[in-house]
Amino acid sequence: MAKITFDGIEVEVPDGTTILNAARTIGGGIVPPAMCYYTPLKGSGGKCRACLVRVAAGSTKDPRPMPKLVASCITPVQDGMVVENTTSEQVLNVRKGIVEMLLINHPLDCPVCDQAGECDLQNFAFEHGVSTTRYEEERRTFEKIDIGPLIQLHMTRCILCYRCVYTADQLTPERVHGVLGRGDASEIGTYIENIIDNDFSGNVIDVCPVGALTDKTWRFKQRVWFTKPVNAHRDCPKCTGNVVLWYKGKDVLRITARKNEYGEVKEWICNECRFEKKETSDWTIEGPAHIDRTSVISANHYELPVINPQIIADLPESSVRDLEQNPPLKLGN
């Protein structure tokens, strides 16, 4: 086990744990952002540099600071390590530069992008970016590539995080897409214009942190904050069948895999569950999916935060009655 201090908070984690995952054991706003790292995907991380942190002390044996900022998603902890993230002005300034770099070629088409409202790049830019840009040159453009009837590729939005490539490597026996070209000509594409067609290909949509890979069956149908996500499951011979149904009224507009608090898929789902089972009768409904209160999706306020009056000291009975009659919050038992 290794003890490290992260933003002044001491935590003990198993040897070999990365700095990012050590921070996640603490949780909250001190956790570095991640645009390319994805826990279920082997080999991911170290590409976007969004998670850079400052190591003020390397270890108990060698307390010298590391000379440069390090990628927390691929750097293992050492006993006695001291890490600075939100407490370091240098880290926050560098992170602004990383946002600017990622947005250099990314089109500002959020009003028409299906990923808007649940986009990691939007959140990253909102939290760490600036409102102006110094970039004056033309943004790069790409020829449109048809990669099949179910997935839409917008290469101009891609930040080359490689998540979709690792997902295909891990879930499918014969990957047909990857990164083509080099340098600023690099792009996601298929070899000899193949289409991406296998039972689990839809998972590349869920892992994409931006709107580069989107669901054609959901394309332009609705803004995500006008929909209501509901957890559901079905008996599926190919996958676990645990999904989120996104409703507008009584219609299921799209189906996605369930994600954790860091936007990572918990269990991969098959294309049959994702694209073909869009009737409520196909599913067993479990209840509303949890939504972070800072998300724009929570604007519907259909899932009310739960409070327990018994654990709130000196809460007047009149307040409890008011909450029961006009609940801005849902009372727990």
C-alpha atoms as a PDB file:
ATOM      1  CA  MET A   1       0.000   0.000   0.000  1.00  0.00           C
ATOM      2  CA  ALA A   2       1.122   3.558  -0.696  1.00  0.00           C
ATOM      3  CA  LYS A   3       0.148   6.725   1.137  1.00  0.00           C
ATOM      4  CA  ILE A   4      -0.071   9.857  -0.975  1.00  0.00           C
ATOM      5  CA  THR A   5      -1.254  13.378  -0.319  1.00  0.00           C
ATOM      6  CA  PHE A   6      -3.526  14.765  -3.014  1.00  0.00           C
ATOM      7  CA  ASP A   7      -4.457  18.447  -2.725  1.00  0.00           C
ATOM      8  CA  GLY A   8      -3.762  18.269   0.997  1.00  0.00           C
ATOM      9  CA  ILE A   9      -5.855  15.113   1.520  1.00  0.00           C
ATOM     10  CA  GLU A  10      -4.025  11.947   2.534  1.00  0.00           C
ATOM     11  CA  VAL A  11      -5.219   8.669   1.035  1.00  0.00           C
ATOM     12  CA  GLU A  12      -3.866   5.115   1.048  1.00  0.00           C
ATOM     13  CA  VAL A  13      -4.154   3.070  -2.140  1.00  0.00           C
ATOM     14  CA  PRO A  14      -2.698  -0.209  -3.464  1.00  0.00           C
ATOM     15  CA  ASP A  15       0.741  -0.089  -5.068  1.00  0.00           C
ATOM     16  CA  GLY A  16       0.536   0.464  -8.824  1.00  0.00           C
ATOM     17  CA  THR A  17      -2.593   2.622  -8.625  1.00  0.00           C
ATOM     18  CA  THR A  18      -2.425   5.646 -10.899  1.00  0.00           C
ATOM     19  CA  ILE A  19      -2.594   9.146  -9.467  1.00  0.00           C
ATOM     20  CA  LEU A  20      -5.947   9.693 -11.215  1.00  0.00           C
ATOM     21  CA  ASN A  21      -7.550   6.616  -9.662  1.00  0.00           C
ATOM     22  CA  ALA A  22      -6.096   7.559  -6.278  1.00  0.00           C
ATOM     23  CA  ALA A  23      -7.844  10.927  -6.624  1.00  0.00           C
ATOM     24  CA  ARG A  24     -11.066   9.145  -7.548  1.00  0.00           C
ATOM     25  CA  THR A  25     -11.013   7.288  -4.239  1.00  0.00           C
ATOM     26  CA  ILE A  26     -11.308  10.733  -2.639  1.00  0.00           C
ATOM     27  CA  GLY A  27     -13.869  11.973  -5.161  1.00  0.00           C
ATOM     28  CA  GLY A  28     -15.413  15.410  -5.512  1.00  0.00           C
ATOM     29  CA  GLY A  29     -14.153  18.390  -7.445  1.00  0.00           C
ATOM     30  CA  ILE A  30     -10.471  17.649  -6.891  1.00  0.00           C
ATOM     31  CA  VAL A  31     -10.477  14.734  -9.354  1.00  0.00           C
ATOM     32  CA  PRO A  32      -8.555  15.650 -12.536  1.00  0.00           C
ATOM     33  CA  PRO A  33     -10.573  15.642 -15.777  1.00  0.00           C
ATOM     34  CA  ALA A  34      -9.968  12.861 -18.296  1.00  0.00           C
ATOM     35  CA  MET A  35     -10.753  13.003 -21.997  1.00  0.00           C
ATOM     36  CA  CYS A  36      -8.877   9.920 -23.229  1.00  0.00           C
ATOM     37  CA  TYR A  37      -8.478   7.673 -20.168  1.00  0.00           C
ATOM     38  CA  TYR A  38     -11.242   5.088 -19.748  1.00  0.00           C
ATOM     39  CA  THR A  39     -10.992   2.550 -16.934  1.00  0.00           C
ATOM     40  CA  PRO A  40     -12.491  -0.467 -18.790  1.00  0.00           C
ATOM     41  CA  LEU A  41     -10.192   0.046 -21.814  1.00  0.00           C
ATOM     42  CA  LYS A  42      -6.678  -1.411 -21.593  1.00  0.00           C
ATOM     43  CA  GLY A  43      -4.019   0.928 -22.955  1.00  0.00           C
ATOM     44  CA  SER A  44      -6.128   4.095 -22.772  1.00  0.00           C
ATOM     45  CA  GLY A  45      -4.739   7.300 -21.318  1.00  0.00           C
ATOM     46  CA  GLY A  46      -1.765   9.593 -21.842  1.00  0.00           C
ATOM     47  CA  LYS A  47      -2.971  11.251 -25.045  1.00  0.00           C
ATOM     48  CA  CYS A  48      -5.113  14.290 -24.273  1.00  0.00           C
ATOM     49  CA  ARG A  49      -3.040  15.674 -21.349  1.00  0.00           C
ATOM     50  CA  ALA A  50      -6.201  16.982 -19.701  1.00  0.00           C
ATOM     51  CA  CYS A  51      -5.308  15.250 -16.433  1.00  0.00           C
ATOM     52  CA  LEU A  52      -1.876  16.823 -15.923  1.00  0.00           C
ATOM     53  CA  VAL A  53      -0.946  17.374 -12.265  1.00  0.00           C
ATOM     54  CA  ARG A  54       2.091  18.618 -10.380  1.00  0.00           C
ATOM     55  CA  VAL A  55       4.041  16.148  -8.254  1.00  0.00           C
ATOM     56  CA  ALA A  56       5.522  18.342  -5.509  1.00  0.00           C
ATOM     57  CA  ALA A  57       7.275  15.385  -3.851  1.00  0.00           C
ATOM     58  CA  GLY A  58       8.083  12.166  -5.672  1.00  0.00           C
ATOM     59  CA  SER A  59       8.188   9.782  -2.725  1.00  0.00           C
ATOM     60  CA  THR A  60       9.452   9.314   0.811  1.00  0.00           C
ATOM     61  CA  LYS A  61      12.765   7.979  -0.520  1.00  0.00           C
ATOM     62  CA  ASP A  62      13.155  10.783  -3.048  1.00  0.00           C
ATOM     63  CA  PRO A  63      11.139  13.843  -1.981  1.00  0.00           C
ATOM     64  CA  ARG A  64      12.291  15.999  -4.893  1.00  0.00           C
ATOM     65  CA  PRO A  65       9.507  17.411  -7.091  1.00  0.00           C
ATOM     66  CA  MET A  66       9.131  16.057 -10.609  1.00  0.00           C
ATOM     67  CA  PRO A  67      10.549  18.562 -13.107  1.00  0.00           C
ATOM     68  CA  LYS A  68       7.450  18.623 -15.324  1.00  0.00           C
ATOM     69  CA  LEU A  69       3.724  18.141 -14.951  1.00  0.00           C
ATOM     70  CA  VAL A  70       2.738  14.486 -15.349  1.00  0.00           C
ATOM     71  CA  ALA A  71      -0.313  12.744 -16.805  1.00  0.00           C
ATOM     72  CA  SER A  72      -2.112  11.460 -13.731  1.00  0.00           C
ATOM     73  CA  CYS A  73      -3.931   8.714 -15.670  1.00  0.00           C
ATOM     74  CA  ILE A  74      -0.721   6.774 -16.463  1.00  0.00           C
ATOM     75  CA  THR A  75       1.596   7.766 -13.606  1.00  0.00           C
ATOM     76  CA  PRO A  76       1.677   5.254 -10.720  1.00  0.00           C
ATOM     77  CA  VAL A  77       1.726   6.476  -7.134  1.00  0.00           C
ATOM     78  CA  GLN A  78       4.723   6.195  -4.819  1.00  0.00           C
ATOM     79  CA  ASP A  79       4.615   6.046  -1.044  1.00  0.00           C
ATOM     80  CA  GLY A  80       4.946   9.558   0.327  1.00  0.00           C
ATOM     81  CA  MET A  81       4.055  11.259  -2.967  1.00  0.00           C
ATOM     82  CA  VAL A  82       2.563  14.752  -2.747  1.00  0.00           C
ATOM     83  CA  VAL A  83       0.355  15.781  -5.669  1.00  0.00           C
ATOM     84  CA  GLU A  84      -1.161  19.162  -6.479  1.00  0.00           C
ATOM     85  CA  ASN A  85      -4.137  19.575  -8.794  1.00  0.00           C
ATOM     86  CA  THR A  86      -6.682  22.288  -7.995  1.00  0.00           C
ATOM     87  CA  THR A  87      -4.249  23.834  -5.510  1.00  0.00           C
ATOM     88  CA  SER A  88      -1.611  24.479  -8.189  1.00  0.00           C
ATOM     89  CA  GLU A  89      -1.835  27.664 -10.246  1.00  0.00           C
ATOM     90  CA  GLN A  90       0.566  26.119 -12.762  1.00  0.00           C
ATOM     91  CA  VAL A  91      -1.746  23.148 -13.356  1.00  0.00           C
ATOM     92  CA  LEU A  92      -4.822  25.338 -13.814  1.00  0.00           C
ATOM     93  CA  ASN A  93      -3.009  27.613 -16.292  1.00  0.00           C
ATOM     94  CA  VAL A  94      -1.717  24.660 -18.314  1.00  0.00           C
ATOM     95  CA  ARG A  95      -5.194  23.147 -18.352  1.00  0.00           C
ATOM     96  CA  LYS A  96      -6.540  26.315 -19.963  1.00  0.00           C
ATOM     97  CA  GLY A  97      -3.957  25.846 -22.692  1.00  0.00           C
ATOM     98  CA  ILE A  98      -5.010  22.235 -23.199  1.00  0.00           C
ATOM     99  CA  VAL A  99      -8.635  23.327 -23.619  1.00  0.00           C
ATOM    100  CA  GLU A 100      -7.528  25.878 -26.190  1.00  0.00           C
ATOM    101  CA  MET A 101      -5.521  23.231 -28.056  1.00  0.00           C
ATOM    102  CA  LEU A 102      -8.431  20.770 -28.136  1.00  0.00           C
ATOM    103  CA  LEU A 103     -10.731  23.493 -29.465  1.00  0.00           C
ATOM    104  CA  ILE A 104      -8.355  24.651 -32.203  1.00  0.00           C
ATOM    105  CA  ASN A 105      -9.923  22.373 -34.811  1.00  0.00           C
ATOM    106  CA  HIS A 106     -13.107  21.401 -33.016  1.00  0.00           C
ATOM    107  CA  PRO A 107     -16.098  23.100 -34.686  1.00  0.00           C
ATOM    108  CA  LEU A 108     -18.319  25.235 -32.487  1.00  0.00           C
ATOM    109  CA  ASP A 109     -21.494  23.464 -33.583  1.00  0.00           C
ATOM    110  CA  CYS A 110     -22.860  22.632 -30.134  1.00  0.00           C
ATOM    111  CA  PRO A 111     -26.348  23.979 -31.065  1.00  0.00           C
ATOM    112  CA  VAL A 112     -26.760  21.186 -33.648  1.00  0.00           C
ATOM    113  CA  CYS A 113     -24.546  18.486 -32.115  1.00  0.00           C
ATOM    114  CA  ASP A 114     -26.362  15.468 -30.644  1.00  0.00           C
ATOM    115  CA  GLN A 115     -23.712  15.233 -27.926  1.00  0.00           C
ATOM    116  CA  ALA A 116     -24.556  18.689 -26.532  1.00  0.00           C
ATOM    117  CA  GLY A 117     -25.608  18.534 -22.905  1.00  0.00           C
ATOM    118  CA  GLU A 118     -23.569  15.410 -22.123  1.00  0.00           C
ATOM    119  CA  CYS A 119     -20.284  16.313 -23.823  1.00  0.00           C
ATOM    120  CA  ASP A 120     -17.056  15.915 -21.851  1.00  0.00           C
ATOM    121  CA  LEU A 121     -15.380  18.602 -23.945  1.00  0.00           C
ATOM    122  CA  GLN A 122     -18.174  21.062 -23.165  1.00  0.00           C
ATOM    123  CA  ASN A 123     -17.750  20.399 -19.452  1.00  0.00           C
ATOM    124  CA  PHE A 124     -13.954  20.621 -19.694  1.00  0.00           C
ATOM    125  CA  ALA A 125     -14.114  23.929 -21.586  1.00  0.00           C
ATOM    126  CA  PHE A 126     -16.700  25.362 -19.180  1.00  0.00           C
ATOM    127  CA  GLU A 127     -14.643  24.494 -16.108  1.00  0.00           C
ATOM    128  CA  HIS A 128     -11.143  25.284 -17.363  1.00  0.00           C
ATOM    129  CA  GLY A 129     -11.359  27.226 -20.622  1.00  0.00           C
ATOM    130  CA  VAL A 130     -11.535  30.891 -21.538  1.00  0.00           C
ATOM    131  CA  SER A 131     -14.249  32.739 -23.424  1.00  0.00           C
ATOM    132  CA  THR A 132     -11.985  33.945 -26.256  1.00  0.00           C
ATOM    133  CA  THR A 133      -9.673  32.282 -28.758  1.00  0.00           C
ATOM    134  CA  ARG A 134      -6.400  33.383 -30.316  1.00  0.00           C
ATOM    135  CA  TYR A 135      -6.740  31.047 -33.277  1.00  0.00           C
ATOM    136  CA  GLU A 136      -7.221  32.802 -36.621  1.00  0.00           C
ATOM    137  CA  GLU A 137      -6.339  30.125 -39.178  1.00  0.00           C
ATOM    138  CA  GLU A 138      -8.867  27.922 -40.941  1.00  0.00           C
ATOM    139  CA  ARG A 139      -9.941  24.828 -39.057  1.00  0.00           C
ATOM    140  CA  ARG A 140      -9.053  21.507 -40.616  1.00  0.00           C
ATOM    141  CA  THR A 141     -11.728  19.660 -42.541  1.00  0.00           C
ATOM    142  CA  PHE A 142     -12.144  16.056 -43.687  1.00  0.00           C
ATOM    143  CA  GLU A 143     -13.961  14.182 -46.396  1.00  0.00           C
ATOM    144  CA  LYS A 144     -17.153  12.602 -45.058  1.00  0.00           C
ATOM    145  CA  ILE A 145     -16.882   8.841 -44.563  1.00  0.00           C
ATOM    146  CA  ASP A 146     -19.863   6.496 -44.324  1.00  0.00           C
ATOM    147  CA  ILE A 147     -19.040   3.883 -41.683  1.00  0.00           C
ATOM    148  CA  GLY A 148     -22.409   2.134 -41.694  1.00  0.00           C
ATOM    149  CA  PRO A 149     -26.152   2.520 -41.167  1.00  0.00           C
ATOM    150  CA  LEU A 150     -26.053   2.899 -37.378  1.00  0.00           C
ATOM    151  CA  ILE A 151     -23.102   5.174 -36.513  1.00  0.00           C
ATOM    152  CA  GLN A 152     -22.433   8.683 -37.807  1.00  0.00           C
ATOM    153  CA  LEU A 153     -18.801   9.838 -37.985  1.00  0.00           C
ATOM    154  CA  HIS A 154     -18.055  13.582 -37.698  1.00  0.00           C
ATOM    155  CA  MET A 155     -14.271  13.625 -38.014  1.00  0.00           C
ATOM    156  CA  THR A 156     -14.065  17.418 -37.608  1.00  0.00           C
ATOM    157  CA  ARG A 157     -15.184  16.983 -33.974  1.00  0.00           C
ATOM    158  CA  CYS A 158     -12.741  14.175 -33.160  1.00  0.00           C
ATOM    159  CA  ILE A 159      -9.998  14.884 -30.591  1.00  0.00           C
ATOM    160  CA  LEU A 160      -8.133  11.605 -31.332  1.00  0.00           C
ATOM    161  CA  CYS A 161      -8.595  10.138 -27.871  1.00  0.00           C
ATOM    162  CA  TYR A 162      -8.421   6.577 -29.316  1.00  0.00           C
ATOM    163  CA  ARG A 163     -11.248   5.366 -27.055  1.00  0.00           C
ATOM    164  CA  CYS A 164     -13.296   3.980 -29.954  1.00  0.00           C
ATOM    165  CA  VAL A 165     -10.255   2.139 -31.307  1.00  0.00           C
ATOM    166  CA  TYR A 166      -9.530   0.477 -27.966  1.00  0.00           C
ATOM    167  CA  THR A 167     -13.219  -0.392 -27.574  1.00  0.00           C
ATOM    168  CA  ALA A 168     -13.265  -2.148 -30.946  1.00  0.00           C
ATOM    169  CA  ASP A 169     -10.021  -3.947 -30.111  1.00  0.00           C
ATOM    170  CA  GLN A 170     -11.438  -5.188 -26.835  1.00  0.00           C
ATOM    171  CA  LEU A 171     -14.967  -6.137 -27.891  1.00  0.00           C
ATOM    172  CA  THR A 172     -14.655  -7.314 -31.476  1.00  0.00           C
ATOM    173  CA  PRO A 173     -12.462 -10.000 -33.095  1.00  0.00           C
ATOM    174  CA  GLU A 174     -11.753  -8.028 -36.271  1.00  0.00           C
ATOM    175  CA  ARG A 175     -11.474  -4.266 -35.909  1.00  0.00           C
ATOM    176  CA  VAL A 176     -12.012  -2.433 -39.213  1.00  0.00           C
ATOM    177  CA  HIS A 177     -11.428   1.161 -38.113  1.00  0.00           C
ATOM    178  CA  GLY A 178      -8.509   3.015 -36.602  1.00  0.00           C
ATOM    179  CA  VAL A 179      -6.367   6.144 -36.862  1.00  0.00           C
ATOM    180  CA  LEU A 180      -5.211   6.816 -40.404  1.00  0.00           C
ATOM    181  CA  GLY A 181      -2.557   9.318 -41.431  1.00  0.00           C
ATOM    182  CA  ARG A 182       0.006  11.109 -39.283  1.00  0.00           C
ATOM    183  CA  GLY A 183       0.384  14.467 -37.569  1.00  0.00           C
ATOM    184  CA  ASP A 184      -2.333  17.005 -38.274  1.00  0.00           C
ATOM    185  CA  ALA A 185      -3.642  14.717 -41.036  1.00  0.00           C
ATOM    186  CA  SER A 186      -4.515  11.940 -38.551  1.00  0.00           C
ATOM    187  CA  GLU A 187      -8.134  10.866 -38.628  1.00  0.00           C
ATOM    188  CA  ILE A 188     -10.453   8.075 -37.569  1.00  0.00           C
ATOM    189  CA  GLY A 189     -11.449   6.006 -40.577  1.00  0.00           C
ATOM    190  CA  THR A 190     -12.073   2.515 -41.930  1.00  0.00           C
ATOM    191  CA  TYR A 191      -9.717   0.510 -44.050  1.00  0.00           C
ATOM    192  CA  ILE A 192     -10.754   0.468 -47.732  1.00  0.00           C
ATOM    193  CA  GLU A 193     -14.124   2.043 -46.851  1.00  0.00           C
ATOM    194  CA  ASN A 194     -15.378  -0.858 -44.762  1.00  0.00           C
ATOM    195  CA  ILE A 195     -18.396  -0.375 -42.531  1.00  0.00           C
ATOM    196  CA  ILE A 196     -18.347  -0.926 -38.775  1.00  0.00           C
ATOM    197  CA  ASP A 197     -20.733  -3.835 -38.376  1.00  0.00           C
ATOM    198  CA  ASN A 198     -20.602  -6.202 -35.408  1.00  0.00           C
ATOM    199  CA  ASP A 199     -22.797  -7.033 -32.431  1.00  0.00           C
ATOM    200  CA  PHE A 200     -21.104  -4.545 -30.081  1.00  0.00           C
ATOM    201  CA  SER A 201     -20.134  -1.741 -32.466  1.00  0.00           C
ATOM    202  CA  GLY A 202     -22.589   0.702 -30.874  1.00  0.00           C
ATOM    203  CA  ASN A 203     -20.411   0.950 -27.784  1.00  0.00           C
ATOM    204  CA  VAL A 204     -18.025   3.266 -29.641  1.00  0.00           C
ATOM    205  CA  ILE A 205     -20.824   5.851 -29.424  1.00  0.00           C
ATOM    206  CA  ASP A 206     -20.947   5.654 -25.624  1.00  0.00           C
ATOM    207  CA  VAL A 207     -17.176   5.962 -25.132  1.00  0.00           C
ATOM    208  CA  CYS A 208     -16.721   8.963 -27.451  1.00  0.00           C
ATOM    209  CA  PRO A 209     -16.201  12.047 -25.223  1.00  0.00           C
ATOM    210  CA  VAL A 210     -17.326  14.450 -27.964  1.00  0.00           C
ATOM    211  CA  GLY A 211     -19.835  14.292 -30.816  1.00  0.00           C
ATOM    212  CA  ALA A 212     -17.532  12.565 -33.303  1.00  0.00           C
ATOM    213  CA  LEU A 213     -19.447   9.281 -33.161  1.00  0.00           C
ATOM    214  CA  THR A 214     -23.216   9.551 -32.757  1.00  0.00           C
ATOM    215  CA  ASP A 215     -26.263   7.315 -33.025  1.00  0.00           C
ATOM    216  CA  LYS A 216     -27.935   7.647 -36.441  1.00  0.00           C
ATOM    217  CA  THR A 217     -31.263   6.423 -35.024  1.00  0.00           C
ATOM    218  CA  TRP A 218     -31.198   9.309 -32.491  1.00  0.00           C
ATOM    219  CA  ARG A 219     -29.752  11.920 -34.841  1.00  0.00           C
ATOM    220  CA  PHE A 220     -31.486  15.336 -34.609  1.00  0.00           C
ATOM    221  CA  LYS A 221     -34.554  13.857 -32.890  1.00  0.00           C
ATOM    222  CA  GLN A 222     -34.382  15.737 -29.589  1.00  0.00           C
ATOM    223  CA  ARG A 223     -32.124  17.687 -27.254  1.00  0.00           C
ATOM    224  CA  VAL A 224     -30.928  15.511 -24.405  1.00  0.00           C
ATOM    225  CA  TRP A 225     -32.176  17.884 -21.683  1.00  0.00           C
ATOM    226  CA  PHE A 226     -35.754  17.472 -22.927  1.00  0.00           C
ATOM    227  CA  THR A 227     -35.608  13.695 -22.424  1.00  0.00           C
ATOM    228  CA  LYS A 228     -35.947  11.574 -19.301  1.00  0.00           C
ATOM    229  CA  PRO A 229     -33.497   8.712 -18.722  1.00  0.00           C
ATOM    230  CA  VAL A 230     -34.892   5.580 -17.084  1.00  0.00           C
ATOM    231  CA  ASN A 231     -32.997   2.464 -15.985  1.00  0.00           C
ATOM    232  CA  ALA A 232     -34.307  -0.764 -17.485  1.00  0.00           C
ATOM    233  CA  HIS A 233     -33.242  -4.318 -18.236  1.00  0.00           C
ATOM    234  CA  ARG A 234     -34.203  -7.334 -20.328  1.00  0.00           C
ATOM    235  CA  ASP A 235     -33.089 -10.933 -20.699  1.00  0.00           C
ATOM    236  CA  CYS A 236     -30.531 -10.778 -23.506  1.00  0.00           C
ATOM    237  CA  PRO A 237     -28.400 -13.742 -24.626  1.00  0.00           C
ATOM    238  CA  LYS A 238     -25.645 -11.450 -25.928  1.00  0.00           C
ATOM    239  CA  CYS A 239     -25.134  -8.944 -23.085  1.00  0.00           C
ATOM    240  CA  THR A 240     -26.287  -8.103 -19.575  1.00  0.00           C
ATOM    241  CA  GLY A 241     -29.292  -6.189 -20.915  1.00  0.00           C
ATOM    242  CA  ASN A 242     -28.858  -3.370 -18.354  1.00  0.00           C
ATOM    243  CA  VAL A 243     -29.480  -0.078 -20.140  1.00  0.00           C
ATOM    244  CA  VAL A 244     -30.823   3.462 -19.915  1.00  0.00           C
ATOM    245  CA  LEU A 245     -33.938   4.293 -21.924  1.00  0.00           C
ATOM    246  CA  TRP A 246     -34.221   7.950 -22.963  1.00  0.00           C
ATOM    247  CA  TYR A 247     -37.890   8.944 -23.115  1.00  0.00           C
ATOM    248  CA  LYS A 248     -39.725  11.842 -24.677  1.00  0.00           C
ATOM    249  CA  GLY A 249     -43.291  11.397 -23.553  1.00  0.00           C
ATOM    250  CA  LYS A 250     -44.068   7.706 -24.115  1.00  0.00           C
ATOM    251  CA  ASP A 251     -41.541   7.242 -26.919  1.00  0.00           C
ATOM    252  CA  VAL A 252     -38.101   5.694 -26.420  1.00  0.00           C
ATOM    253  CA  LEU A 253     -35.836   7.883 -28.544  1.00  0.00           C
ATOM    254  CA  ARG A 254     -32.542   6.149 -27.810  1.00  0.00           C
ATOM    255  CA  ILE A 255     -30.913   3.504 -25.640  1.00  0.00           C
ATOM    256  CA  THR A 256     -27.470   3.715 -24.048  1.00  0.00           C
ATOM    257  CA  ALA A 257     -25.331   1.702 -21.679  1.00  0.00           C
ATOM    258  CA  ARG A 258     -25.283   2.691 -18.022  1.00  0.00           C
ATOM    259  CA  LYS A 259     -22.395   4.877 -16.903  1.00  0.00           C
ATOM    260  CA  ASN A 260     -20.718   5.655 -13.598  1.00  0.00           C
ATOM    261  CA  GLU A 261     -20.084   9.076 -12.101  1.00  0.00           C
ATOM    262  CA  TYR A 262     -17.068   9.558 -14.371  1.00  0.00           C
ATOM    263  CA  GLY A 263     -19.012   8.866 -17.561  1.00  0.00           C
ATOM    264  CA  GLU A 264     -17.544   5.394 -18.037  1.00  0.00           C
ATOM    265  CA  VAL A 265     -19.664   2.469 -19.219  1.00  0.00           C
ATOM    266  CA  LYS A 266     -20.303  -0.073 -16.481  1.00  0.00           C
ATOM    267  CA  GLU A 267     -21.388  -2.947 -18.759  1.00  0.00           C
ATOM    268  CA  TRP A 268     -21.180  -3.136 -22.541  1.00  0.00           C
ATOM    269  CA  ILE A 269     -24.453  -3.699 -24.391  1.00  0.00           C
ATOM    270  CA  CYS A 270     -25.157  -5.313 -27.755  1.00  0.00           C
ATOM    271  CA  ASN A 271     -26.571  -3.651 -30.852  1.00  0.00           C
ATOM    272  CA  GLU A 272     -29.848  -5.515 -30.529  1.00  0.00           C
ATOM    273  CA  CYS A 273     -30.526  -3.882 -27.165  1.00  0.00           C
ATOM    274  CA  ARG A 274     -29.271  -0.500 -28.349  1.00  0.00           C
ATOM    275  CA  PHE A 275     -30.909  -0.128 -31.750  1.00  0.00           C
ATOM    276  CA  GLU A 276     -33.717  -2.670 -32.116  1.00  0.00           C
ATOM    277  CA  LYS A 277     -35.617  -2.747 -28.811  1.00  0.00           C
ATOM    278  CA  LYS A 278     -37.246   0.687 -28.640  1.00  0.00           C
ATOM    279  CA  GLU A 279     -40.616  -0.300 -27.237  1.00  0.00           C
ATOM    280  CA  THR A 280     -41.359  -0.035 -23.529  1.00  0.00           C
ATOM    281  CA  SER A 281     -42.877  -3.523 -23.685  1.00  0.00           C
ATOM    282  CA  ASP A 282     -39.432  -4.920 -24.512  1.00  0.00           C
ATOM    283  CA  TRP A 283     -38.064  -3.850 -21.133  1.00  0.00           C
ATOM    284  CA  THR A 284     -38.546  -4.182 -17.393  1.00  0.00           C
ATOM    285  CA  ILE A 285     -38.487  -0.638 -16.012  1.00  0.00           C
ATOM    286  CA  GLU A 286     -36.488  -0.141 -12.809  1.00  0.00           C
ATOM    287  CA  GLY A 287     -36.939   3.589 -12.225  1.00  0.00           C
ATOM    288  CA  PRO A 288     -35.393   6.979 -13.025  1.00  0.00           C
ATOM    289  CA  ALA A 289     -31.679   7.003 -13.788  1.00  0.00           C
ATOM    290  CA  HIS A 290     -29.589   9.097 -11.441  1.00  0.00           C
ATOM    291  CA  ILE A 291     -28.571  12.479 -12.839  1.00  0.00           C
ATOM    292  CA  ASP A 292     -25.868  14.740 -11.477  1.00  0.00           C
ATOM    293  CA  ARG A 293     -27.496  17.933 -10.217  1.00  0.00           C
ATOM    294  CA  THR A 294     -24.955  20.019 -12.167  1.00  0.00           C
ATOM    295  CA  SER A 295     -26.017  18.423 -15.457  1.00  0.00           C
ATOM    296  CA  VAL A 296     -28.330  20.286 -17.819  1.00  0.00           C
ATOM    297  CA  ILE A 297     -30.350  17.058 -18.072  1.00  0.00           C
ATOM    298  CA  SER A 298     -31.518  17.649 -14.502  1.00  0.00           C
ATOM    299  CA  ALA A 299     -33.432  20.718 -15.703  1.00  0.00           C
ATOM    300  CA  ASN A 300     -36.554  18.535 -15.882  1.00  0.00           C
ATOM    301  CA  HIS A 301     -36.317  17.974 -12.104  1.00  0.00           C
ATOM    302  CA  TYR A 302     -38.189  14.704 -12.336  1.00  0.00           C
ATOM    303  CA  GLU A 303     -35.699  12.956 -10.044  1.00  0.00           C
ATOM    304  CA  LEU A 304     -35.743  14.897  -6.786  1.00  0.00           C
ATOM    305  CA  PRO A 305     -32.754  14.731  -4.441  1.00  0.00           C
ATOM    306  CA  VAL A 306     -33.497  12.754  -1.287  1.00  0.00           C
ATOM    307  CA  ILE A 307     -33.080  14.216   2.197  1.00  0.00           C
ATOM    308  CA  ASN A 308     -33.732  12.534   5.512  1.00  0.00           C
ATOM    309  CA  PRO A 309     -35.242  14.956   8.063  1.00  0.00           C
ATOM    310  CA  GLN A 310     -34.053  12.723  10.914  1.00  0.00           C
ATOM    311  CA  ILE A 311     -30.399  13.461  10.172  1.00  0.00           C
ATOM    312  CA  ILE A 312     -30.869  17.232   9.895  1.00  0.00           C
ATOM    313  CA  ALA A 313     -30.312  18.742  13.303  1.00  0.00           C
ATOM    314  CA  ASP A 314     -33.165  20.830  14.747  1.00  0.00           C
ATOM    315  CA  LEU A 315     -35.292  20.800  11.611  1.00  0.00           C
ATOM    316  CA  PRO A 316     -38.598  22.425  12.694  1.00  0.00           C
ATOM    317  CA  GLU A 317     -41.764  20.376  12.292  1.00  0.00           C
ATOM    318  CA  SER A 318     -43.257  23.201  10.237  1.00  0.00           C
ATOM    319  CA  SER A 319     -40.404  22.826   7.745  1.00  0.00           C
ATOM    320  CA  VAL A 320     -41.036  19.092   7.494  1.00  0.00           C
ATOM    321  CA  ARG A 321     -44.729  19.769   6.809  1.00  0.00           C
ATOM    322  CA  ASP A 322     -43.837  22.344   4.172  1.00  0.00           C
ATOM    323  CA  LEU A 323     -41.492  19.869   2.484  1.00  0.00           C
ATOM    324  CA  GLU A 324     -44.175  17.197   2.459  1.00  0.00           C
ATOM    325  CA  GLN A 325     -46.769  19.525   0.954  1.00  0.00           C
ATOM    326  CA  ASN A 326     -44.525  21.420  -1.469  1.00  0.00           C
ATOM    327  CA  PRO A 327     -41.438  19.266  -1.883  1.00  0.00           C
ATOM    328  CA  PRO A 328     -38.482  20.926  -3.583  1.00  0.00           C
ATOM    329  CA  LEU A 329     -36.812  17.754  -2.303  1.00  0.00           C
ATOM    330  CA  LYS A 330     -37.979  14.191  -1.837  1.00  0.00           C
ATOM    331  CA  LEU A 331     -38.148  13.003   1.768  1.00  0.00           C
ATOM    332  CA  GLY A 332     -36.404   9.759   2.676  1.00  0.00           C
ATOM    333  CA  ASN A 333     -37.722   7.294   5.229  1.00  0.00           C
END
